[in-house]
């Protein structure tokens, strides 16, 4: 196939409220689990979710003509006035993978936790987007943690949930990554005081354990109007991604496949530049899914 995704950027999804990107009915204790990667079990925001919400946003804002929307996101067959020709969308959006997981701490309220495996995969996305890495991905020993110099500790120990981890502060390689994550992945108004004092690197297996055990699970019910009690069979448990979680992915564009030509760089400039506040996933009427989506990189080849 001669056409390639020639222009790429990173995009970040930061949850402002709990997010429920569901997978349908669960088979375990959780009736409605959140979407996870099959191999790692890490939570994710599906790329199809992000793409659909982006299309809906730009359609409703009325600032882009239908021809531009169709070129970027594909033909809209629900529109009677649309061109029904078959062609692929010029935009490609990968799944947004977990980058930083918020976990409760004994001091400092919560920590932004990540792992070497997560950073290795993030580094691959950085290379795709043409962004220089801050250095080699740091490693951490089992039962230990790396933190930034100003992270809140108790006698040199990082207390995550009910876990006690001996923490080392100021490791040079991790310090570079802390500065890079603070400057690249977060909005400027967050500032270093909010982010850098909460960053922590833990071993891969411990991060996997935290992804399995720290996501909020809410009991939901439906009341019987006549009795005021729970309707029979209407009690279920719903898993969500917590507020303050941070995900990252790649958004890429090729030259459009439509009769009217649109360059890949112009498509990214139009649809992947300004930060957006969007609702992702289900349970919108209960306030879930409010996220900030940000884009990073020049979008070059």
C-alpha atoms as a PDB file:
ATOM      1  CA  UNK A   1       0.000   0.000   0.000  1.00  0.00           C
ATOM      2  CA  UNK A   2       1.631   3.222  -1.161  1.00  0.00           C
ATOM      3  CA  UNK A   3      -0.294   5.543   1.127  1.00  0.00           C
ATOM      4  CA  UNK A   4       1.323   5.867   4.533  1.00  0.00           C
ATOM      5  CA  UNK A   5       0.486   7.778   7.685  1.00  0.00           C
ATOM      6  CA  UNK A   6       3.103  10.433   7.027  1.00  0.00           C
ATOM      7  CA  UNK A   7       2.361  12.983   9.732  1.00  0.00           C
ATOM      8  CA  UNK A   8       2.123  12.030  13.408  1.00  0.00           C
ATOM      9  CA  UNK A   9       1.559  13.643  16.782  1.00  0.00           C
ATOM     10  CA  UNK A  10       1.199  12.449  20.336  1.00  0.00           C
ATOM     11  CA  UNK A  11      -2.081  12.953  22.092  1.00  0.00           C
ATOM     12  CA  UNK A  12      -2.766  12.804  25.811  1.00  0.00           C
ATOM     13  CA  UNK A  13      -6.025  12.067  27.603  1.00  0.00           C
ATOM     14  CA  UNK A  14      -6.281  13.265  31.204  1.00  0.00           C
ATOM     15  CA  UNK A  15      -9.400  12.206  33.073  1.00  0.00           C
ATOM     16  CA  UNK A  16     -11.030  15.047  35.009  1.00  0.00           C
ATOM     17  CA  UNK A  17     -13.747  12.741  36.365  1.00  0.00           C
ATOM     18  CA  UNK A  18     -13.992   8.950  36.527  1.00  0.00           C
ATOM     19  CA  UNK A  19     -14.167   7.383  33.056  1.00  0.00           C
ATOM     20  CA  UNK A  20     -16.053   4.225  32.070  1.00  0.00           C
ATOM     21  CA  UNK A  21     -15.034   2.843  28.668  1.00  0.00           C
ATOM     22  CA  UNK A  22     -16.849  -0.433  29.013  1.00  0.00           C
ATOM     23  CA  UNK A  23     -16.430  -3.837  27.391  1.00  0.00           C
ATOM     24  CA  UNK A  24     -19.946  -5.143  27.954  1.00  0.00           C
ATOM     25  CA  UNK A  25     -20.913  -7.691  30.600  1.00  0.00           C
ATOM     26  CA  UNK A  26     -18.110  -8.987  32.824  1.00  0.00           C
ATOM     27  CA  UNK A  27     -17.591 -12.579  33.929  1.00  0.00           C
ATOM     28  CA  UNK A  28     -16.171 -11.941  37.395  1.00  0.00           C
ATOM     29  CA  UNK A  29     -17.247  -9.973  40.444  1.00  0.00           C
ATOM     30  CA  UNK A  30     -17.402  -6.746  38.401  1.00  0.00           C
ATOM     31  CA  UNK A  31     -20.471  -6.707  36.167  1.00  0.00           C
ATOM     32  CA  UNK A  32     -19.323  -3.803  33.979  1.00  0.00           C
ATOM     33  CA  UNK A  33     -15.504  -3.761  33.769  1.00  0.00           C
ATOM     34  CA  UNK A  34     -13.499  -1.050  32.069  1.00  0.00           C
ATOM     35  CA  UNK A  35     -11.590  -1.693  28.842  1.00  0.00           C
ATOM     36  CA  UNK A  36      -8.126  -3.209  29.297  1.00  0.00           C
ATOM     37  CA  UNK A  37      -5.296  -4.444  27.126  1.00  0.00           C
ATOM     38  CA  UNK A  38      -5.474  -8.199  26.653  1.00  0.00           C
ATOM     39  CA  UNK A  39      -1.746  -8.841  27.159  1.00  0.00           C
ATOM     40  CA  UNK A  40      -0.973  -6.474  30.057  1.00  0.00           C
ATOM     41  CA  UNK A  41      -4.304  -5.893  31.748  1.00  0.00           C
ATOM     42  CA  UNK A  42      -3.575  -2.149  31.805  1.00  0.00           C
ATOM     43  CA  UNK A  43      -6.636   0.116  31.401  1.00  0.00           C
ATOM     44  CA  UNK A  44      -6.974   1.957  28.100  1.00  0.00           C
ATOM     45  CA  UNK A  45      -9.194   4.367  26.196  1.00  0.00           C
ATOM     46  CA  UNK A  46      -9.980   2.768  22.810  1.00  0.00           C
ATOM     47  CA  UNK A  47      -8.882   4.730  19.768  1.00  0.00           C
ATOM     48  CA  UNK A  48     -12.336   4.197  18.257  1.00  0.00           C
ATOM     49  CA  UNK A  49     -13.836   6.025  21.241  1.00  0.00           C
ATOM     50  CA  UNK A  50     -11.485   8.988  20.826  1.00  0.00           C
ATOM     51  CA  UNK A  51     -12.033   9.146  17.064  1.00  0.00           C
ATOM     52  CA  UNK A  52     -15.814   9.016  17.342  1.00  0.00           C
ATOM     53  CA  UNK A  53     -15.943  11.718  19.994  1.00  0.00           C
ATOM     54  CA  UNK A  54     -13.554  13.935  18.003  1.00  0.00           C
ATOM     55  CA  UNK A  55     -15.750  13.595  14.932  1.00  0.00           C
ATOM     56  CA  UNK A  56     -18.854  14.408  16.948  1.00  0.00           C
ATOM     57  CA  UNK A  57     -17.164  17.453  18.488  1.00  0.00           C
ATOM     58  CA  UNK A  58     -16.043  18.945  15.171  1.00  0.00           C
ATOM     59  CA  UNK A  59     -19.372  18.144  13.547  1.00  0.00           C
ATOM     60  CA  UNK A  60     -21.347  19.905  16.268  1.00  0.00           C
ATOM     61  CA  UNK A  61     -19.073  22.933  16.552  1.00  0.00           C
ATOM     62  CA  UNK A  62     -19.917  23.794  12.926  1.00  0.00           C
ATOM     63  CA  UNK A  63     -16.477  25.213  12.160  1.00  0.00           C
ATOM     64  CA  UNK A  64     -15.459  22.594   9.571  1.00  0.00           C
ATOM     65  CA  UNK A  65     -17.214  21.940   6.241  1.00  0.00           C
ATOM     66  CA  UNK A  66     -18.588  18.458   5.615  1.00  0.00           C
ATOM     67  CA  UNK A  67     -15.945  17.787   2.973  1.00  0.00           C
ATOM     68  CA  UNK A  68     -13.169  18.322   5.531  1.00  0.00           C
ATOM     69  CA  UNK A  69     -14.886  16.128   8.122  1.00  0.00           C
ATOM     70  CA  UNK A  70     -15.414  13.360   5.591  1.00  0.00           C
ATOM     71  CA  UNK A  71     -11.786  13.504   4.482  1.00  0.00           C
ATOM     72  CA  UNK A  72     -10.489  13.276   8.033  1.00  0.00           C
ATOM     73  CA  UNK A  73     -12.937  10.826   9.609  1.00  0.00           C
ATOM     74  CA  UNK A  74     -14.404   8.953   6.638  1.00  0.00           C
ATOM     75  CA  UNK A  75     -17.763   9.227   4.854  1.00  0.00           C
ATOM     76  CA  UNK A  76     -20.890   9.796   6.910  1.00  0.00           C
ATOM     77  CA  UNK A  77     -23.473   7.416   5.468  1.00  0.00           C
ATOM     78  CA  UNK A  78     -26.150   8.694   7.856  1.00  0.00           C
ATOM     79  CA  UNK A  79     -26.087  12.040   6.044  1.00  0.00           C
ATOM     80  CA  UNK A  80     -28.350  12.009   2.987  1.00  0.00           C
ATOM     81  CA  UNK A  81     -26.256  14.750   1.383  1.00  0.00           C
ATOM     82  CA  UNK A  82     -22.922  13.000   1.852  1.00  0.00           C
ATOM     83  CA  UNK A  83     -20.839  11.414  -0.879  1.00  0.00           C
ATOM     84  CA  UNK A  84     -21.523   7.690  -0.605  1.00  0.00           C
ATOM     85  CA  UNK A  85     -18.256   6.668  -2.262  1.00  0.00           C
ATOM     86  CA  UNK A  86     -16.171   4.230  -0.234  1.00  0.00           C
ATOM     87  CA  UNK A  87     -12.833   5.574   0.973  1.00  0.00           C
ATOM     88  CA  UNK A  88     -10.725   5.374   4.100  1.00  0.00           C
ATOM     89  CA  UNK A  89     -10.418   8.143   6.669  1.00  0.00           C
ATOM     90  CA  UNK A  90      -7.203  10.148   6.528  1.00  0.00           C
ATOM     91  CA  UNK A  91      -6.885  10.168  10.336  1.00  0.00           C
ATOM     92  CA  UNK A  92      -5.633   7.175  12.310  1.00  0.00           C
ATOM     93  CA  UNK A  93      -5.867   7.209  16.119  1.00  0.00           C
ATOM     94  CA  UNK A  94      -4.271   4.515  18.248  1.00  0.00           C
ATOM     95  CA  UNK A  95      -5.628   3.380  21.595  1.00  0.00           C
ATOM     96  CA  UNK A  96      -4.694   5.747  24.425  1.00  0.00           C
ATOM     97  CA  UNK A  97      -2.553   3.592  26.723  1.00  0.00           C
ATOM     98  CA  UNK A  98      -2.012   4.095  30.425  1.00  0.00           C
ATOM     99  CA  UNK A  99       0.906   6.409  31.160  1.00  0.00           C
ATOM    100  CA  UNK A 100       0.351   7.607  34.731  1.00  0.00           C
ATOM    101  CA  UNK A 101      -1.995   5.947  37.225  1.00  0.00           C
ATOM    102  CA  UNK A 102      -3.131   8.011  40.234  1.00  0.00           C
ATOM    103  CA  UNK A 103      -2.739   5.998  43.447  1.00  0.00           C
ATOM    104  CA  UNK A 104      -3.545   7.106  46.986  1.00  0.00           C
ATOM    105  CA  UNK A 105      -0.581   7.882  49.222  1.00  0.00           C
ATOM    106  CA  UNK A 106      -0.247   8.393  52.950  1.00  0.00           C
ATOM    107  CA  UNK A 107       1.322  11.804  52.364  1.00  0.00           C
ATOM    108  CA  UNK A 108       0.737  14.085  49.397  1.00  0.00           C
ATOM    109  CA  UNK A 109      -2.809  12.727  48.795  1.00  0.00           C
ATOM    110  CA  UNK A 110      -1.931  10.727  45.664  1.00  0.00           C
ATOM    111  CA  UNK A 111       0.968   9.820  43.391  1.00  0.00           C
ATOM    112  CA  UNK A 112       1.247   9.624  39.607  1.00  0.00           C
ATOM    113  CA  UNK A 113       2.643   6.101  39.219  1.00  0.00           C
ATOM    114  CA  UNK A 114       4.281   4.588  36.145  1.00  0.00           C
ATOM    115  CA  UNK A 115       6.653   1.711  35.317  1.00  0.00           C
ATOM    116  CA  UNK A 116       9.632   0.976  33.031  1.00  0.00           C
ATOM    117  CA  UNK A 117       7.490  -1.076  30.619  1.00  0.00           C
ATOM    118  CA  UNK A 118       5.026   1.809  30.323  1.00  0.00           C
ATOM    119  CA  UNK A 119       7.833   4.267  29.600  1.00  0.00           C
ATOM    120  CA  UNK A 120       9.432   1.939  27.019  1.00  0.00           C
ATOM    121  CA  UNK A 121       6.173   1.854  25.078  1.00  0.00           C
ATOM    122  CA  UNK A 122       5.725   5.597  25.507  1.00  0.00           C
ATOM    123  CA  UNK A 123       9.265   6.072  24.160  1.00  0.00           C
ATOM    124  CA  UNK A 124       8.273   4.158  21.006  1.00  0.00           C
ATOM    125  CA  UNK A 125       5.383   6.586  20.513  1.00  0.00           C
ATOM    126  CA  UNK A 126       7.726   9.532  21.054  1.00  0.00           C
ATOM    127  CA  UNK A 127       9.981   8.263  18.281  1.00  0.00           C
ATOM    128  CA  UNK A 128       7.013   7.922  15.939  1.00  0.00           C
ATOM    129  CA  UNK A 129       6.025  11.521  16.636  1.00  0.00           C
ATOM    130  CA  UNK A 130       9.594  12.734  16.105  1.00  0.00           C
ATOM    131  CA  UNK A 131      10.028  13.891  19.712  1.00  0.00           C
ATOM    132  CA  UNK A 132      13.433  13.504  21.345  1.00  0.00           C
ATOM    133  CA  UNK A 133      13.597  11.212  24.364  1.00  0.00           C
ATOM    134  CA  UNK A 134      14.863  12.674  27.644  1.00  0.00           C
ATOM    135  CA  UNK A 135      17.248   9.720  27.976  1.00  0.00           C
ATOM    136  CA  UNK A 136      17.270   5.992  28.557  1.00  0.00           C
ATOM    137  CA  UNK A 137      14.298   4.547  30.404  1.00  0.00           C
ATOM    138  CA  UNK A 138      15.296   4.185  34.087  1.00  0.00           C
ATOM    139  CA  UNK A 139      15.018   0.854  35.858  1.00  0.00           C
ATOM    140  CA  UNK A 140      13.850   0.151  39.391  1.00  0.00           C
ATOM    141  CA  UNK A 141      14.555  -2.821  41.663  1.00  0.00           C
ATOM    142  CA  UNK A 142      11.791  -5.087  43.036  1.00  0.00           C
ATOM    143  CA  UNK A 143      10.153  -3.629  46.129  1.00  0.00           C
ATOM    144  CA  UNK A 144      11.672  -0.207  45.446  1.00  0.00           C
ATOM    145  CA  UNK A 145      10.476   3.045  43.909  1.00  0.00           C
ATOM    146  CA  UNK A 146      12.083   6.045  42.246  1.00  0.00           C
ATOM    147  CA  UNK A 147      10.598   9.423  43.063  1.00  0.00           C
ATOM    148  CA  UNK A 148      11.361  13.033  42.270  1.00  0.00           C
ATOM    149  CA  UNK A 149      13.388  15.021  44.767  1.00  0.00           C
ATOM    150  CA  UNK A 150      10.343  16.802  46.221  1.00  0.00           C
ATOM    151  CA  UNK A 151       7.981  13.806  46.473  1.00  0.00           C
ATOM    152  CA  UNK A 152       6.420  13.376  49.904  1.00  0.00           C
ATOM    153  CA  UNK A 153       7.958  10.420  51.775  1.00  0.00           C
ATOM    154  CA  UNK A 154       7.798   9.045  55.308  1.00  0.00           C
ATOM    155  CA  UNK A 155      11.325   8.308  56.529  1.00  0.00           C
ATOM    156  CA  UNK A 156      12.424   7.472  52.999  1.00  0.00           C
ATOM    157  CA  UNK A 157       9.408   5.253  52.339  1.00  0.00           C
ATOM    158  CA  UNK A 158       6.695   5.781  49.711  1.00  0.00           C
ATOM    159  CA  UNK A 159       3.336   4.604  51.049  1.00  0.00           C
ATOM    160  CA  UNK A 160       1.047   3.576  48.174  1.00  0.00           C
ATOM    161  CA  UNK A 161      -2.300   2.252  49.379  1.00  0.00           C
ATOM    162  CA  UNK A 162      -1.134  -0.461  51.836  1.00  0.00           C
ATOM    163  CA  UNK A 163       2.290  -0.905  50.197  1.00  0.00           C
ATOM    164  CA  UNK A 164       5.555   0.318  51.738  1.00  0.00           C
ATOM    165  CA  UNK A 165       8.272   0.963  49.148  1.00  0.00           C
ATOM    166  CA  UNK A 166      11.804   2.092  49.888  1.00  0.00           C
ATOM    167  CA  UNK A 167      12.163   5.170  47.703  1.00  0.00           C
ATOM    168  CA  UNK A 168      15.225   6.735  46.126  1.00  0.00           C
ATOM    169  CA  UNK A 169      14.999  10.403  45.187  1.00  0.00           C
ATOM    170  CA  UNK A 170      17.042  12.346  42.678  1.00  0.00           C
ATOM    171  CA  UNK A 171      18.197   9.484  40.405  1.00  0.00           C
ATOM    172  CA  UNK A 172      19.538  11.422  37.348  1.00  0.00           C
ATOM    173  CA  UNK A 173      17.803   9.426  34.607  1.00  0.00           C
ATOM    174  CA  UNK A 174      14.445   9.473  36.374  1.00  0.00           C
ATOM    175  CA  UNK A 175      14.858  13.167  37.157  1.00  0.00           C
ATOM    176  CA  UNK A 176      15.079  13.893  33.405  1.00  0.00           C
ATOM    177  CA  UNK A 177      11.936  11.863  32.745  1.00  0.00           C
ATOM    178  CA  UNK A 178      10.099  13.691  35.542  1.00  0.00           C
ATOM    179  CA  UNK A 179      10.871  17.039  33.966  1.00  0.00           C
ATOM    180  CA  UNK A 180       9.929  15.759  30.515  1.00  0.00           C
ATOM    181  CA  UNK A 181       6.579  14.330  31.673  1.00  0.00           C
ATOM    182  CA  UNK A 182       5.748  17.506  33.575  1.00  0.00           C
ATOM    183  CA  UNK A 183       6.490  19.756  30.609  1.00  0.00           C
ATOM    184  CA  UNK A 184       5.117  17.569  27.797  1.00  0.00           C
ATOM    185  CA  UNK A 185       2.148  15.615  29.117  1.00  0.00           C
ATOM    186  CA  UNK A 186       0.389  18.171  31.317  1.00  0.00           C
ATOM    187  CA  UNK A 187      -1.237  21.518  30.712  1.00  0.00           C
ATOM    188  CA  UNK A 188       0.935  24.469  31.689  1.00  0.00           C
ATOM    189  CA  UNK A 189      -1.399  25.582  34.476  1.00  0.00           C
ATOM    190  CA  UNK A 190      -0.728  22.390  36.408  1.00  0.00           C
ATOM    191  CA  UNK A 191       2.846  23.495  37.017  1.00  0.00           C
ATOM    192  CA  UNK A 192       5.698  21.589  38.533  1.00  0.00           C
ATOM    193  CA  UNK A 193       4.380  21.933  42.091  1.00  0.00           C
ATOM    194  CA  UNK A 194       1.360  19.754  41.317  1.00  0.00           C
ATOM    195  CA  UNK A 195       2.971  17.153  39.061  1.00  0.00           C
ATOM    196  CA  UNK A 196       6.645  16.727  39.864  1.00  0.00           C
ATOM    197  CA  UNK A 197       6.051  16.219  43.579  1.00  0.00           C
ATOM    198  CA  UNK A 198       3.820  13.211  42.808  1.00  0.00           C
ATOM    199  CA  UNK A 199       5.710  11.230  40.140  1.00  0.00           C
ATOM    200  CA  UNK A 200       6.835   7.732  41.088  1.00  0.00           C
ATOM    201  CA  UNK A 201       8.381   4.833  39.148  1.00  0.00           C
ATOM    202  CA  UNK A 202       7.642   1.304  40.407  1.00  0.00           C
ATOM    203  CA  UNK A 203       8.492  -2.183  39.044  1.00  0.00           C
ATOM    204  CA  UNK A 204       6.380  -3.541  36.190  1.00  0.00           C
ATOM    205  CA  UNK A 205       4.716  -6.297  38.192  1.00  0.00           C
ATOM    206  CA  UNK A 206       3.769  -3.891  40.968  1.00  0.00           C
ATOM    207  CA  UNK A 207       2.290  -1.456  38.446  1.00  0.00           C
ATOM    208  CA  UNK A 208       0.248  -4.312  36.999  1.00  0.00           C
ATOM    209  CA  UNK A 209      -0.988  -5.151  40.514  1.00  0.00           C
ATOM    210  CA  UNK A 210      -2.032  -1.525  41.095  1.00  0.00           C
ATOM    211  CA  UNK A 211      -3.898  -1.475  37.759  1.00  0.00           C
ATOM    212  CA  UNK A 212      -5.854  -4.551  38.860  1.00  0.00           C
ATOM    213  CA  UNK A 213      -6.658  -3.481  42.405  1.00  0.00           C
ATOM    214  CA  UNK A 214      -6.907   0.320  42.678  1.00  0.00           C
ATOM    215  CA  UNK A 215      -9.510   1.233  40.062  1.00  0.00           C
ATOM    216  CA  UNK A 216     -12.769   2.411  41.680  1.00  0.00           C
ATOM    217  CA  UNK A 217     -15.679  -0.041  41.648  1.00  0.00           C
ATOM    218  CA  UNK A 218     -19.127   1.415  42.344  1.00  0.00           C
ATOM    219  CA  UNK A 219     -22.273  -0.444  43.331  1.00  0.00           C
ATOM    220  CA  UNK A 220     -25.247   0.753  41.274  1.00  0.00           C
ATOM    221  CA  UNK A 221     -28.922  -0.012  41.874  1.00  0.00           C
ATOM    222  CA  UNK A 222     -32.337   0.619  40.382  1.00  0.00           C
ATOM    223  CA  UNK A 223     -35.187   1.285  42.809  1.00  0.00           C
ATOM    224  CA  UNK A 224     -38.665  -0.153  42.588  1.00  0.00           C
ATOM    225  CA  UNK A 225     -40.928   2.910  42.583  1.00  0.00           C
ATOM    226  CA  UNK A 226     -43.730   1.114  44.406  1.00  0.00           C
ATOM    227  CA  UNK A 227     -41.703  -0.397  47.243  1.00  0.00           C
ATOM    228  CA  UNK A 228     -38.764   2.023  47.472  1.00  0.00           C
ATOM    229  CA  UNK A 229     -36.380  -0.942  47.590  1.00  0.00           C
ATOM    230  CA  UNK A 230     -33.909  -2.326  45.086  1.00  0.00           C
ATOM    231  CA  UNK A 231     -35.652  -3.812  42.069  1.00  0.00           C
ATOM    232  CA  UNK A 232     -35.015  -7.531  41.753  1.00  0.00           C
ATOM    233  CA  UNK A 233     -31.925  -8.200  39.651  1.00  0.00           C
ATOM    234  CA  UNK A 234     -31.075  -4.494  39.458  1.00  0.00           C
ATOM    235  CA  UNK A 235     -27.871  -4.416  41.521  1.00  0.00           C
ATOM    236  CA  UNK A 236     -24.609  -4.276  39.580  1.00  0.00           C
ATOM    237  CA  UNK A 237     -20.969  -3.299  40.067  1.00  0.00           C
ATOM    238  CA  UNK A 238     -19.295  -0.876  37.682  1.00  0.00           C
ATOM    239  CA  UNK A 239     -15.547  -0.303  37.283  1.00  0.00           C
ATOM    240  CA  UNK A 240     -14.082   3.044  36.201  1.00  0.00           C
ATOM    241  CA  UNK A 241     -10.776   4.691  35.450  1.00  0.00           C
ATOM    242  CA  UNK A 242     -10.072   7.179  38.270  1.00  0.00           C
ATOM    243  CA  UNK A 243      -9.929  10.925  37.863  1.00  0.00           C
ATOM    244  CA  UNK A 244      -6.415  12.281  37.209  1.00  0.00           C
ATOM    245  CA  UNK A 245      -5.336   9.226  35.177  1.00  0.00           C
ATOM    246  CA  UNK A 246      -3.176  10.071  32.163  1.00  0.00           C
ATOM    247  CA  UNK A 247      -3.134   8.163  28.877  1.00  0.00           C
ATOM    248  CA  UNK A 248      -1.131   8.674  25.697  1.00  0.00           C
ATOM    249  CA  UNK A 249      -1.413   7.592  22.075  1.00  0.00           C
ATOM    250  CA  UNK A 250      -0.512   8.543  18.526  1.00  0.00           C
ATOM    251  CA  UNK A 251      -2.715  10.419  16.064  1.00  0.00           C
ATOM    252  CA  UNK A 252      -1.514  10.231  12.462  1.00  0.00           C
ATOM    253  CA  UNK A 253      -2.704  11.458   9.088  1.00  0.00           C
ATOM    254  CA  UNK A 254      -2.167  10.656   5.444  1.00  0.00           C
ATOM    255  CA  UNK A 255      -3.118  12.767   2.460  1.00  0.00           C
ATOM    256  CA  UNK A 256      -6.874  12.472   2.007  1.00  0.00           C
ATOM    257  CA  UNK A 257      -8.424   9.747  -0.125  1.00  0.00           C
ATOM    258  CA  UNK A 258     -11.296  11.971  -1.285  1.00  0.00           C
ATOM    259  CA  UNK A 259     -11.641  13.629  -4.673  1.00  0.00           C
ATOM    260  CA  UNK A 260     -10.872  16.982  -3.076  1.00  0.00           C
ATOM    261  CA  UNK A 261      -7.283  16.782  -1.903  1.00  0.00           C
ATOM    262  CA  UNK A 262      -6.243  17.587   1.652  1.00  0.00           C
ATOM    263  CA  UNK A 263      -2.626  17.360   2.782  1.00  0.00           C
ATOM    264  CA  UNK A 264      -1.828  15.239   5.831  1.00  0.00           C
ATOM    265  CA  UNK A 265      -0.202  18.145   7.635  1.00  0.00           C
ATOM    266  CA  UNK A 266      -3.261  20.347   7.114  1.00  0.00           C
ATOM    267  CA  UNK A 267      -5.557  17.632   8.458  1.00  0.00           C
ATOM    268  CA  UNK A 268      -3.532  17.329  11.667  1.00  0.00           C
ATOM    269  CA  UNK A 269      -3.377  21.105  11.993  1.00  0.00           C
ATOM    270  CA  UNK A 270      -7.168  21.344  11.692  1.00  0.00           C
ATOM    271  CA  UNK A 271      -8.172  18.441  13.941  1.00  0.00           C
ATOM    272  CA  UNK A 272      -5.270  17.835  16.342  1.00  0.00           C
ATOM    273  CA  UNK A 273      -3.938  21.168  17.578  1.00  0.00           C
ATOM    274  CA  UNK A 274      -5.916  22.902  20.294  1.00  0.00           C
ATOM    275  CA  UNK A 275      -6.655  21.215  23.647  1.00  0.00           C
ATOM    276  CA  UNK A 276     -10.217  19.988  23.971  1.00  0.00           C
ATOM    277  CA  UNK A 277     -12.513  19.090  26.846  1.00  0.00           C
ATOM    278  CA  UNK A 278     -14.519  16.046  25.754  1.00  0.00           C
ATOM    279  CA  UNK A 279     -16.776  13.393  27.243  1.00  0.00           C
ATOM    280  CA  UNK A 280     -15.390   9.887  26.597  1.00  0.00           C
ATOM    281  CA  UNK A 281     -17.035   6.560  27.319  1.00  0.00           C
ATOM    282  CA  UNK A 282     -20.384   5.820  28.893  1.00  0.00           C
ATOM    283  CA  UNK A 283     -22.362   6.990  31.932  1.00  0.00           C
ATOM    284  CA  UNK A 284     -22.299  10.608  30.731  1.00  0.00           C
ATOM    285  CA  UNK A 285     -25.444  11.548  32.653  1.00  0.00           C
ATOM    286  CA  UNK A 286     -23.749  10.608  35.933  1.00  0.00           C
ATOM    287  CA  UNK A 287     -20.813  12.915  35.234  1.00  0.00           C
ATOM    288  CA  UNK A 288     -18.362  10.273  34.085  1.00  0.00           C
ATOM    289  CA  UNK A 289     -15.939  10.632  31.213  1.00  0.00           C
ATOM    290  CA  UNK A 290     -15.014  14.333  31.329  1.00  0.00           C
ATOM    291  CA  UNK A 291     -11.467  14.479  29.944  1.00  0.00           C
ATOM    292  CA  UNK A 292      -8.958  16.958  28.595  1.00  0.00           C
ATOM    293  CA  UNK A 293      -7.359  15.901  25.322  1.00  0.00           C
ATOM    294  CA  UNK A 294      -4.065  17.558  24.402  1.00  0.00           C
ATOM    295  CA  UNK A 295      -1.780  17.213  21.391  1.00  0.00           C
ATOM    296  CA  UNK A 296       2.010  17.402  21.262  1.00  0.00           C
ATOM    297  CA  UNK A 297       4.509  17.483  18.418  1.00  0.00           C
ATOM    298  CA  UNK A 298       4.887  19.304  15.120  1.00  0.00           C
ATOM    299  CA  UNK A 299       3.075  16.648  13.099  1.00  0.00           C
ATOM    300  CA  UNK A 300       5.913  16.210  10.606  1.00  0.00           C
ATOM    301  CA  UNK A 301       7.036  13.144   8.771  1.00  0.00           C
END
